[in-house]
Amino acid sequence: MAKKAFKPGTMIYPLPAVLVSCGDTPEEYNMMTAAWTGTVCSDPAMCYVSIRKSRHSHAIISRTGEFVINITTEKLARATDWCGVRSGKDYDKWKECGLTPSKSLAVKAPGIEQSPINVECKVTQVLELGTHDMFLAEVVAVQVDEELIDPQTGKFDLAAAGPIAYSHGEYFSLGKFIGGFGWSVKKKKKSKK
Protein backbone atom coordinates (compact mmCIF):
# COMPACT_ATOMS: atom_id res chain seq x y z
CA MET A 1 0.00 0.00 0.00
CA ALA A 2 1.49 3.34 -1.03
CA LYS A 3 1.43 6.27 1.38
CA LYS A 4 1.37 9.98 0.56
CA ALA A 5 2.90 12.68 2.75
CA PHE A 6 0.30 15.02 4.26
CA LYS A 7 0.85 18.31 6.06
CA PRO A 8 0.98 17.96 9.86
CA GLY A 9 -2.52 18.21 11.24
CA THR A 10 -5.19 16.67 13.40
CA MET A 11 -5.77 13.39 11.59
CA ILE A 12 -6.79 11.35 14.63
CA TYR A 13 -10.37 10.56 13.65
CA PRO A 14 -13.14 9.71 14.39
CA LEU A 15 -13.79 11.62 17.60
CA PRO A 16 -16.83 11.81 19.83
CA ALA A 17 -19.19 14.64 18.89
CA VAL A 18 -20.38 15.96 22.26
CA LEU A 19 -22.36 18.89 23.58
CA VAL A 20 -20.55 20.70 26.38
CA SER A 21 -22.93 22.55 28.70
CA CYS A 22 -21.86 25.26 31.12
CA GLY A 23 -23.05 28.16 33.28
CA ASP A 24 -23.86 28.86 36.91
CA THR A 25 -27.43 30.10 36.48
CA PRO A 26 -30.30 29.41 34.06
CA GLU A 27 -29.83 32.91 32.62
CA GLU A 28 -26.32 32.06 31.42
CA TYR A 29 -26.68 28.35 30.66
CA ASN A 30 -25.05 27.59 27.33
CA MET A 31 -23.91 24.61 25.32
CA MET A 32 -21.45 24.15 22.50
CA THR A 33 -20.42 21.33 20.21
CA ALA A 34 -16.94 19.89 20.72
CA ALA A 35 -14.99 17.08 19.13
CA TRP A 36 -11.64 17.93 20.74
CA THR A 37 -12.51 15.97 23.86
CA GLY A 38 -11.59 12.69 25.49
CA THR A 39 -10.37 10.65 28.43
CA VAL A 40 -6.91 11.33 29.89
CA CYS A 41 -6.87 9.24 33.09
CA SER A 42 -8.98 6.52 34.72
CA ASP A 43 -7.96 6.95 38.38
CA PRO A 44 -8.78 9.65 39.18
CA ALA A 45 -11.27 9.83 36.34
CA MET A 46 -10.20 12.79 34.19
CA CYS A 47 -11.06 14.16 30.78
CA TYR A 48 -10.57 17.29 28.74
CA VAL A 49 -12.23 19.61 26.28
CA SER A 50 -10.31 22.03 24.06
CA ILE A 51 -12.07 25.29 23.20
CA ARG A 52 -11.12 28.35 21.16
CA LYS A 53 -10.74 31.50 23.29
CA SER A 54 -13.21 33.32 21.03
CA ARG A 55 -16.07 30.94 21.91
CA HIS A 56 -18.80 32.12 24.27
CA SER A 57 -18.47 28.97 26.40
CA HIS A 58 -14.72 29.53 26.88
CA ALA A 59 -15.34 32.63 29.01
CA ILE A 60 -18.06 30.89 31.05
CA ILE A 61 -15.94 27.79 31.77
CA SER A 62 -12.87 29.94 32.53
CA ARG A 63 -14.88 31.81 35.17
CA THR A 64 -16.85 28.91 36.70
CA GLY A 65 -14.31 26.10 36.37
CA GLU A 66 -17.10 23.61 35.60
CA PHE A 67 -18.76 21.99 32.61
CA VAL A 68 -20.72 18.89 31.62
CA ILE A 69 -19.84 16.68 28.66
CA ASN A 70 -23.06 15.31 27.17
CA ILE A 71 -22.79 12.33 24.84
CA THR A 72 -24.78 12.87 21.65
CA THR A 73 -26.88 10.46 19.62
CA GLU A 74 -28.44 10.15 16.19
CA LYS A 75 -31.55 11.83 17.65
CA LEU A 76 -29.38 14.74 18.80
CA ALA A 77 -27.39 15.05 15.55
CA ARG A 78 -29.20 18.16 14.27
CA ALA A 79 -28.85 19.95 17.63
CA THR A 80 -25.20 18.89 17.80
CA ASP A 81 -24.45 20.46 14.44
CA TRP A 82 -26.59 23.56 15.10
CA CYS A 83 -24.86 24.28 18.41
CA GLY A 84 -21.52 24.05 16.64
CA VAL A 85 -22.31 26.80 14.13
CA ARG A 86 -24.33 29.22 16.26
CA SER A 87 -23.16 31.24 19.26
CA GLY A 88 -24.82 31.40 22.65
CA LYS A 89 -24.12 35.14 22.52
CA ASP A 90 -26.77 35.43 19.80
CA TYR A 91 -29.16 32.54 20.50
CA ASP A 92 -30.81 30.67 23.33
CA LYS A 93 -29.56 27.29 22.14
CA TRP A 94 -31.77 25.39 24.57
CA LYS A 95 -34.90 26.97 23.13
CA GLU A 96 -33.74 26.80 19.50
CA CYS A 97 -32.90 23.09 19.75
CA GLY A 98 -35.75 22.05 22.04
CA LEU A 99 -33.35 20.72 24.68
CA THR A 100 -33.85 20.70 28.44
CA PRO A 101 -31.22 21.60 31.05
CA SER A 102 -31.07 18.98 33.80
CA LYS A 103 -29.81 19.37 37.35
CA SER A 104 -26.31 18.09 37.89
CA LEU A 105 -25.24 16.19 41.00
CA ALA A 106 -21.88 17.87 41.74
CA VAL A 107 -21.56 21.01 39.57
CA LYS A 108 -23.71 24.07 38.91
CA ALA A 109 -23.47 23.62 35.13
CA PRO A 110 -26.51 21.78 33.75
CA GLY A 111 -26.55 18.50 31.93
CA ILE A 112 -28.75 17.93 28.89
CA GLU A 113 -31.82 15.85 29.71
CA GLN A 114 -31.98 14.30 26.23
CA SER A 115 -28.37 13.07 26.36
CA PRO A 116 -27.90 9.44 27.51
CA ILE A 117 -24.75 10.30 29.49
CA ASN A 118 -23.87 13.49 31.38
CA VAL A 119 -20.26 13.65 32.59
CA GLU A 120 -19.86 16.37 35.23
CA CYS A 121 -16.40 17.97 35.31
CA LYS A 122 -14.39 20.37 37.47
CA VAL A 123 -11.43 22.06 35.80
CA THR A 124 -8.07 21.29 37.41
CA GLN A 125 -5.80 22.97 34.89
CA VAL A 126 -6.00 25.08 31.73
CA LEU A 127 -3.32 24.54 29.10
CA GLU A 128 -2.91 27.29 26.50
CA LEU A 129 -2.02 25.41 23.34
CA GLY A 130 -2.39 27.86 20.45
CA THR A 131 -5.76 28.03 18.69
CA HIS A 132 -7.41 26.22 21.61
CA ASP A 133 -7.14 26.12 25.39
CA MET A 134 -7.39 22.66 26.89
CA PHE A 135 -9.56 22.47 30.00
CA LEU A 136 -8.23 19.45 31.91
CA ALA A 137 -10.86 18.32 34.38
CA GLU A 138 -11.68 15.76 37.03
CA VAL A 139 -14.91 13.83 36.54
CA VAL A 140 -16.90 14.43 39.73
CA ALA A 141 -20.19 12.74 38.79
CA VAL A 142 -21.85 10.85 35.94
CA GLN A 143 -25.54 10.41 35.19
CA VAL A 144 -26.85 7.83 32.69
CA ASP A 145 -30.29 7.06 31.28
CA GLU A 146 -31.77 4.27 33.36
CA GLU A 147 -33.57 2.63 30.42
CA LEU A 148 -30.19 1.96 28.79
CA ILE A 149 -28.98 -0.12 31.74
CA ASP A 150 -29.49 -3.86 31.42
CA PRO A 151 -31.41 -4.92 34.56
CA GLN A 152 -29.73 -8.36 34.53
CA THR A 153 -26.08 -7.32 34.13
CA GLY A 154 -26.13 -3.66 35.21
CA LYS A 155 -24.18 -2.90 32.03
CA PHE A 156 -24.83 0.37 30.22
CA ASP A 157 -25.79 -0.16 26.56
CA LEU A 158 -24.52 2.96 24.79
CA ALA A 159 -24.99 1.32 21.37
CA ALA A 160 -28.75 1.29 21.97
CA ALA A 161 -28.65 5.09 22.30
CA GLY A 162 -27.15 5.47 18.80
CA PRO A 163 -24.05 7.60 19.59
CA ILE A 164 -22.46 9.72 16.87
CA ALA A 165 -18.89 10.61 15.99
CA TYR A 166 -17.19 13.42 14.07
CA SER A 167 -14.62 12.96 11.31
CA HIS A 168 -13.18 15.58 8.96
CA GLY A 169 -16.20 17.90 9.14
CA GLU A 170 -18.81 15.15 8.97
CA TYR A 171 -20.98 13.29 11.49
CA PHE A 172 -21.37 9.50 11.53
CA SER A 173 -23.33 7.00 13.55
CA LEU A 174 -21.14 4.30 15.05
CA GLY A 175 -20.77 1.05 13.14
CA LYS A 176 -21.31 -2.59 13.85
CA PHE A 177 -20.05 -4.39 16.94
CA ILE A 178 -16.69 -6.12 16.36
CA GLY A 179 -15.86 -7.57 19.77
CA GLY A 180 -15.51 -6.81 23.46
CA PHE A 181 -12.32 -5.75 25.20
CA GLY A 182 -9.90 -8.68 25.11
CA TRP A 183 -11.85 -10.64 22.48
CA SER A 184 -8.69 -11.19 20.44
CA VAL A 185 -7.04 -13.28 23.16
CA LYS A 186 -9.99 -15.10 24.71
CA LYS A 187 -9.85 -18.87 24.53
CA LYS A 188 -12.53 -20.39 22.37
CA LYS A 189 -14.86 -22.85 24.05
CA LYS A 190 -14.35 -26.40 22.84
CA SER A 191 -17.43 -27.94 21.41
CA LYS A 192 -18.58 -31.24 22.94
CA LYS A 193 -18.79 -34.15 20.55
C-alpha atoms as a PDB file:
ATOM      1  CA  MET A   1       0.000   0.000   0.000  1.00  0.00           C
ATOM      2  CA  ALA A   2       1.488   3.341  -1.033  1.00  0.00           C
ATOM      3  CA  LYS A   3       1.431   6.272   1.385  1.00  0.00           C
ATOM      4  CA  LYS A   4       1.375   9.978   0.555  1.00  0.00           C
ATOM      5  CA  ALA A   5       2.898  12.680   2.746  1.00  0.00           C
ATOM      6  CA  PHE A   6       0.303  15.017   4.261  1.00  0.00           C
ATOM      7  CA  LYS A   7       0.853  18.309   6.056  1.00  0.00           C
ATOM      8  CA  PRO A   8       0.983  17.960   9.859  1.00  0.00           C
ATOM      9  CA  GLY A   9      -2.521  18.212  11.244  1.00  0.00           C
ATOM     10  CA  THR A  10      -5.186  16.669  13.405  1.00  0.00           C
ATOM     11  CA  MET A  11      -5.767  13.390  11.591  1.00  0.00           C
ATOM     12  CA  ILE A  12      -6.792  11.353  14.632  1.00  0.00           C
ATOM     13  CA  TYR A  13     -10.374  10.563  13.652  1.00  0.00           C
ATOM     14  CA  PRO A  14     -13.138   9.714  14.393  1.00  0.00           C
ATOM     15  CA  LEU A  15     -13.788  11.619  17.603  1.00  0.00           C
ATOM     16  CA  PRO A  16     -16.834  11.815  19.832  1.00  0.00           C
ATOM     17  CA  ALA A  17     -19.189  14.636  18.893  1.00  0.00           C
ATOM     18  CA  VAL A  18     -20.377  15.964  22.259  1.00  0.00           C
ATOM     19  CA  LEU A  19     -22.358  18.885  23.584  1.00  0.00           C
ATOM     20  CA  VAL A  20     -20.554  20.705  26.384  1.00  0.00           C
ATOM     21  CA  SER A  21     -22.925  22.553  28.702  1.00  0.00           C
ATOM     22  CA  CYS A  22     -21.865  25.264  31.117  1.00  0.00           C
ATOM     23  CA  GLY A  23     -23.050  28.164  33.282  1.00  0.00           C
ATOM     24  CA  ASP A  24     -23.863  28.862  36.915  1.00  0.00           C
ATOM     25  CA  THR A  25     -27.432  30.097  36.481  1.00  0.00           C
ATOM     26  CA  PRO A  26     -30.295  29.407  34.061  1.00  0.00           C
ATOM     27  CA  GLU A  27     -29.831  32.906  32.623  1.00  0.00           C
ATOM     28  CA  GLU A  28     -26.315  32.061  31.422  1.00  0.00           C
ATOM     29  CA  TYR A  29     -26.685  28.345  30.656  1.00  0.00           C
ATOM     30  CA  ASN A  30     -25.046  27.588  27.331  1.00  0.00           C
ATOM     31  CA  MET A  31     -23.910  24.612  25.316  1.00  0.00           C
ATOM     32  CA  MET A  32     -21.453  24.153  22.500  1.00  0.00           C
ATOM     33  CA  THR A  33     -20.417  21.330  20.215  1.00  0.00           C
ATOM     34  CA  ALA A  34     -16.942  19.894  20.717  1.00  0.00           C
ATOM     35  CA  ALA A  35     -14.988  17.078  19.125  1.00  0.00           C
ATOM     36  CA  TRP A  36     -11.642  17.934  20.744  1.00  0.00           C
ATOM     37  CA  THR A  37     -12.505  15.973  23.864  1.00  0.00           C
ATOM     38  CA  GLY A  38     -11.589  12.695  25.490  1.00  0.00           C
ATOM     39  CA  THR A  39     -10.375  10.649  28.429  1.00  0.00           C
ATOM     40  CA  VAL A  40      -6.915  11.333  29.893  1.00  0.00           C
ATOM     41  CA  CYS A  41      -6.873   9.236  33.094  1.00  0.00           C
ATOM     42  CA  SER A  42      -8.977   6.524  34.721  1.00  0.00           C
ATOM     43  CA  ASP A  43      -7.957   6.953  38.375  1.00  0.00           C
ATOM     44  CA  PRO A  44      -8.775   9.648  39.184  1.00  0.00           C
ATOM     45  CA  ALA A  45     -11.273   9.828  36.336  1.00  0.00           C
ATOM     46  CA  MET A  46     -10.199  12.786  34.195  1.00  0.00           C
ATOM     47  CA  CYS A  47     -11.065  14.156  30.779  1.00  0.00           C
ATOM     48  CA  TYR A  48     -10.574  17.290  28.745  1.00  0.00           C
ATOM     49  CA  VAL A  49     -12.231  19.609  26.280  1.00  0.00           C
ATOM     50  CA  SER A  50     -10.310  22.030  24.059  1.00  0.00           C
ATOM     51  CA  ILE A  51     -12.074  25.292  23.200  1.00  0.00           C
ATOM     52  CA  ARG A  52     -11.117  28.353  21.158  1.00  0.00           C
ATOM     53  CA  LYS A  53     -10.738  31.499  23.289  1.00  0.00           C
ATOM     54  CA  SER A  54     -13.210  33.319  21.033  1.00  0.00           C
ATOM     55  CA  ARG A  55     -16.068  30.943  21.906  1.00  0.00           C
ATOM     56  CA  HIS A  56     -18.798  32.118  24.268  1.00  0.00           C
ATOM     57  CA  SER A  57     -18.470  28.972  26.403  1.00  0.00           C
ATOM     58  CA  HIS A  58     -14.724  29.534  26.881  1.00  0.00           C
ATOM     59  CA  ALA A  59     -15.344  32.630  29.010  1.00  0.00           C
ATOM     60  CA  ILE A  60     -18.059  30.887  31.046  1.00  0.00           C
ATOM     61  CA  ILE A  61     -15.942  27.795  31.774  1.00  0.00           C
ATOM     62  CA  SER A  62     -12.875  29.941  32.530  1.00  0.00           C
ATOM     63  CA  ARG A  63     -14.884  31.806  35.166  1.00  0.00           C
ATOM     64  CA  THR A  64     -16.850  28.913  36.699  1.00  0.00           C
ATOM     65  CA  GLY A  65     -14.312  26.098  36.374  1.00  0.00           C
ATOM     66  CA  GLU A  66     -17.100  23.612  35.597  1.00  0.00           C
ATOM     67  CA  PHE A  67     -18.762  21.991  32.608  1.00  0.00           C
ATOM     68  CA  VAL A  68     -20.716  18.892  31.620  1.00  0.00           C
ATOM     69  CA  ILE A  69     -19.836  16.680  28.663  1.00  0.00           C
ATOM     70  CA  ASN A  70     -23.064  15.307  27.168  1.00  0.00           C
ATOM     71  CA  ILE A  71     -22.786  12.329  24.835  1.00  0.00           C
ATOM     72  CA  THR A  72     -24.777  12.873  21.654  1.00  0.00           C
ATOM     73  CA  THR A  73     -26.883  10.462  19.624  1.00  0.00           C
ATOM     74  CA  GLU A  74     -28.440  10.150  16.192  1.00  0.00           C
ATOM     75  CA  LYS A  75     -31.551  11.827  17.647  1.00  0.00           C
ATOM     76  CA  LEU A  76     -29.380  14.743  18.802  1.00  0.00           C
ATOM     77  CA  ALA A  77     -27.390  15.048  15.554  1.00  0.00           C
ATOM     78  CA  ARG A  78     -29.199  18.157  14.271  1.00  0.00           C
ATOM     79  CA  ALA A  79     -28.854  19.945  17.631  1.00  0.00           C
ATOM     80  CA  THR A  80     -25.195  18.893  17.799  1.00  0.00           C
ATOM     81  CA  ASP A  81     -24.446  20.456  14.435  1.00  0.00           C
ATOM     82  CA  TRP A  82     -26.585  23.555  15.095  1.00  0.00           C
ATOM     83  CA  CYS A  83     -24.865  24.281  18.413  1.00  0.00           C
ATOM     84  CA  GLY A  84     -21.517  24.053  16.636  1.00  0.00           C
ATOM     85  CA  VAL A  85     -22.309  26.795  14.126  1.00  0.00           C
ATOM     86  CA  ARG A  86     -24.330  29.215  16.264  1.00  0.00           C
ATOM     87  CA  SER A  87     -23.157  31.243  19.262  1.00  0.00           C
ATOM     88  CA  GLY A  88     -24.815  31.404  22.652  1.00  0.00           C
ATOM     89  CA  LYS A  89     -24.115  35.144  22.522  1.00  0.00           C
ATOM     90  CA  ASP A  90     -26.768  35.425  19.803  1.00  0.00           C
ATOM     91  CA  TYR A  91     -29.161  32.542  20.498  1.00  0.00           C
ATOM     92  CA  ASP A  92     -30.807  30.668  23.329  1.00  0.00           C
ATOM     93  CA  LYS A  93     -29.560  27.288  22.138  1.00  0.00           C
ATOM     94  CA  TRP A  94     -31.774  25.389  24.573  1.00  0.00           C
ATOM     95  CA  LYS A  95     -34.900  26.966  23.129  1.00  0.00           C
ATOM     96  CA  GLU A  96     -33.736  26.801  19.497  1.00  0.00           C
ATOM     97  CA  CYS A  97     -32.900  23.087  19.753  1.00  0.00           C
ATOM     98  CA  GLY A  98     -35.753  22.046  22.043  1.00  0.00           C
ATOM     99  CA  LEU A  99     -33.354  20.720  24.681  1.00  0.00           C
ATOM    100  CA  THR A 100     -33.850  20.697  28.439  1.00  0.00           C
ATOM    101  CA  PRO A 101     -31.215  21.603  31.047  1.00  0.00           C
ATOM    102  CA  SER A 102     -31.073  18.984  33.799  1.00  0.00           C
ATOM    103  CA  LYS A 103     -29.814  19.367  37.354  1.00  0.00           C
ATOM    104  CA  SER A 104     -26.314  18.090  37.893  1.00  0.00           C
ATOM    105  CA  LEU A 105     -25.240  16.191  40.999  1.00  0.00           C
ATOM    106  CA  ALA A 106     -21.878  17.865  41.742  1.00  0.00           C
ATOM    107  CA  VAL A 107     -21.564  21.007  39.566  1.00  0.00           C
ATOM    108  CA  LYS A 108     -23.708  24.066  38.908  1.00  0.00           C
ATOM    109  CA  ALA A 109     -23.469  23.615  35.130  1.00  0.00           C
ATOM    110  CA  PRO A 110     -26.514  21.783  33.753  1.00  0.00           C
ATOM    111  CA  GLY A 111     -26.554  18.499  31.928  1.00  0.00           C
ATOM    112  CA  ILE A 112     -28.747  17.933  28.889  1.00  0.00           C
ATOM    113  CA  GLU A 113     -31.819  15.849  29.711  1.00  0.00           C
ATOM    114  CA  GLN A 114     -31.978  14.302  26.226  1.00  0.00           C
ATOM    115  CA  SER A 115     -28.366  13.065  26.365  1.00  0.00           C
ATOM    116  CA  PRO A 116     -27.905   9.440  27.506  1.00  0.00           C
ATOM    117  CA  ILE A 117     -24.749  10.301  29.490  1.00  0.00           C
ATOM    118  CA  ASN A 118     -23.872  13.491  31.382  1.00  0.00           C
ATOM    119  CA  VAL A 119     -20.261  13.646  32.591  1.00  0.00           C
ATOM    120  CA  GLU A 120     -19.859  16.371  35.235  1.00  0.00           C
ATOM    121  CA  CYS A 121     -16.404  17.966  35.312  1.00  0.00           C
ATOM    122  CA  LYS A 122     -14.393  20.370  37.470  1.00  0.00           C
ATOM    123  CA  VAL A 123     -11.431  22.060  35.804  1.00  0.00           C
ATOM    124  CA  THR A 124      -8.075  21.286  37.414  1.00  0.00           C
ATOM    125  CA  GLN A 125      -5.799  22.972  34.885  1.00  0.00           C
ATOM    126  CA  VAL A 126      -5.996  25.078  31.725  1.00  0.00           C
ATOM    127  CA  LEU A 127      -3.316  24.539  29.098  1.00  0.00           C
ATOM    128  CA  GLU A 128      -2.910  27.294  26.499  1.00  0.00           C
ATOM    129  CA  LEU A 129      -2.022  25.410  23.339  1.00  0.00           C
ATOM    130  CA  GLY A 130      -2.394  27.861  20.448  1.00  0.00           C
ATOM    131  CA  THR A 131      -5.757  28.033  18.688  1.00  0.00           C
ATOM    132  CA  HIS A 132      -7.412  26.222  21.612  1.00  0.00           C
ATOM    133  CA  ASP A 133      -7.139  26.123  25.386  1.00  0.00           C
ATOM    134  CA  MET A 134      -7.391  22.661  26.893  1.00  0.00           C
ATOM    135  CA  PHE A 135      -9.556  22.470  30.005  1.00  0.00           C
ATOM    136  CA  LEU A 136      -8.227  19.450  31.906  1.00  0.00           C
ATOM    137  CA  ALA A 137     -10.864  18.316  34.382  1.00  0.00           C
ATOM    138  CA  GLU A 138     -11.685  15.758  37.028  1.00  0.00           C
ATOM    139  CA  VAL A 139     -14.908  13.826  36.536  1.00  0.00           C
ATOM    140  CA  VAL A 140     -16.895  14.431  39.727  1.00  0.00           C
ATOM    141  CA  ALA A 141     -20.188  12.741  38.792  1.00  0.00           C
ATOM    142  CA  VAL A 142     -21.850  10.849  35.941  1.00  0.00           C
ATOM    143  CA  GLN A 143     -25.536  10.411  35.192  1.00  0.00           C
ATOM    144  CA  VAL A 144     -26.847   7.835  32.688  1.00  0.00           C
ATOM    145  CA  ASP A 145     -30.295   7.060  31.281  1.00  0.00           C
ATOM    146  CA  GLU A 146     -31.775   4.267  33.358  1.00  0.00           C
ATOM    147  CA  GLU A 147     -33.569   2.634  30.419  1.00  0.00           C
ATOM    148  CA  LEU A 148     -30.186   1.962  28.789  1.00  0.00           C
ATOM    149  CA  ILE A 149     -28.978  -0.120  31.739  1.00  0.00           C
ATOM    150  CA  ASP A 150     -29.489  -3.865  31.416  1.00  0.00           C
ATOM    151  CA  PRO A 151     -31.409  -4.922  34.557  1.00  0.00           C
ATOM    152  CA  GLN A 152     -29.730  -8.361  34.534  1.00  0.00           C
ATOM    153  CA  THR A 153     -26.085  -7.321  34.134  1.00  0.00           C
ATOM    154  CA  GLY A 154     -26.125  -3.660  35.208  1.00  0.00           C
ATOM    155  CA  LYS A 155     -24.179  -2.901  32.030  1.00  0.00           C
ATOM    156  CA  PHE A 156     -24.833   0.374  30.225  1.00  0.00           C
ATOM    157  CA  ASP A 157     -25.785  -0.160  26.561  1.00  0.00           C
ATOM    158  CA  LEU A 158     -24.519   2.960  24.788  1.00  0.00           C
ATOM    159  CA  ALA A 159     -24.991   1.318  21.372  1.00  0.00           C
ATOM    160  CA  ALA A 160     -28.755   1.285  21.972  1.00  0.00           C
ATOM    161  CA  ALA A 161     -28.653   5.086  22.299  1.00  0.00           C
ATOM    162  CA  GLY A 162     -27.151   5.475  18.797  1.00  0.00           C
ATOM    163  CA  PRO A 163     -24.052   7.595  19.594  1.00  0.00           C
ATOM    164  CA  ILE A 164     -22.464   9.720  16.874  1.00  0.00           C
ATOM    165  CA  ALA A 165     -18.887  10.608  15.993  1.00  0.00           C
ATOM    166  CA  TYR A 166     -17.186  13.417  14.073  1.00  0.00           C
ATOM    167  CA  SER A 167     -14.621  12.958  11.308  1.00  0.00           C
ATOM    168  CA  HIS A 168     -13.176  15.583   8.965  1.00  0.00           C
ATOM    169  CA  GLY A 169     -16.199  17.900   9.140  1.00  0.00           C
ATOM    170  CA  GLU A 170     -18.809  15.149   8.974  1.00  0.00           C
ATOM    171  CA  TYR A 171     -20.977  13.293  11.494  1.00  0.00           C
ATOM    172  CA  PHE A 172     -21.372   9.503  11.528  1.00  0.00           C
ATOM    173  CA  SER A 173     -23.331   6.997  13.552  1.00  0.00           C
ATOM    174  CA  LEU A 174     -21.140   4.301  15.053  1.00  0.00           C
ATOM    175  CA  GLY A 175     -20.772   1.053  13.140  1.00  0.00           C
ATOM    176  CA  LYS A 176     -21.314  -2.593  13.847  1.00  0.00           C
ATOM    177  CA  PHE A 177     -20.048  -4.388  16.938  1.00  0.00           C
ATOM    178  CA  ILE A 178     -16.695  -6.120  16.359  1.00  0.00           C
ATOM    179  CA  GLY A 179     -15.865  -7.574  19.766  1.00  0.00           C
ATOM    180  CA  GLY A 180     -15.513  -6.806  23.462  1.00  0.00           C
ATOM    181  CA  PHE A 181     -12.323  -5.750  25.200  1.00  0.00           C
ATOM    182  CA  GLY A 182      -9.901  -8.682  25.108  1.00  0.00           C
ATOM    183  CA  TRP A 183     -11.849 -10.636  22.484  1.00  0.00           C
ATOM    184  CA  SER A 184      -8.689 -11.188  20.440  1.00  0.00           C
ATOM    185  CA  VAL A 185      -7.042 -13.280  23.156  1.00  0.00           C
ATOM    186  CA  LYS A 186      -9.988 -15.104  24.713  1.00  0.00           C
ATOM    187  CA  LYS A 187      -9.854 -18.874  24.528  1.00  0.00           C
ATOM    188  CA  LYS A 188     -12.528 -20.394  22.369  1.00  0.00           C
ATOM    189  CA  LYS A 189     -14.862 -22.852  24.047  1.00  0.00           C
ATOM    190  CA  LYS A 190     -14.350 -26.400  22.836  1.00  0.00           C
ATOM    191  CA  SER A 191     -17.434 -27.939  21.409  1.00  0.00           C
ATOM    192  CA  LYS A 192     -18.582 -31.236  22.936  1.00  0.00           C
ATOM    193  CA  LYS A 193     -18.787 -34.151  20.546  1.00  0.00           C
END
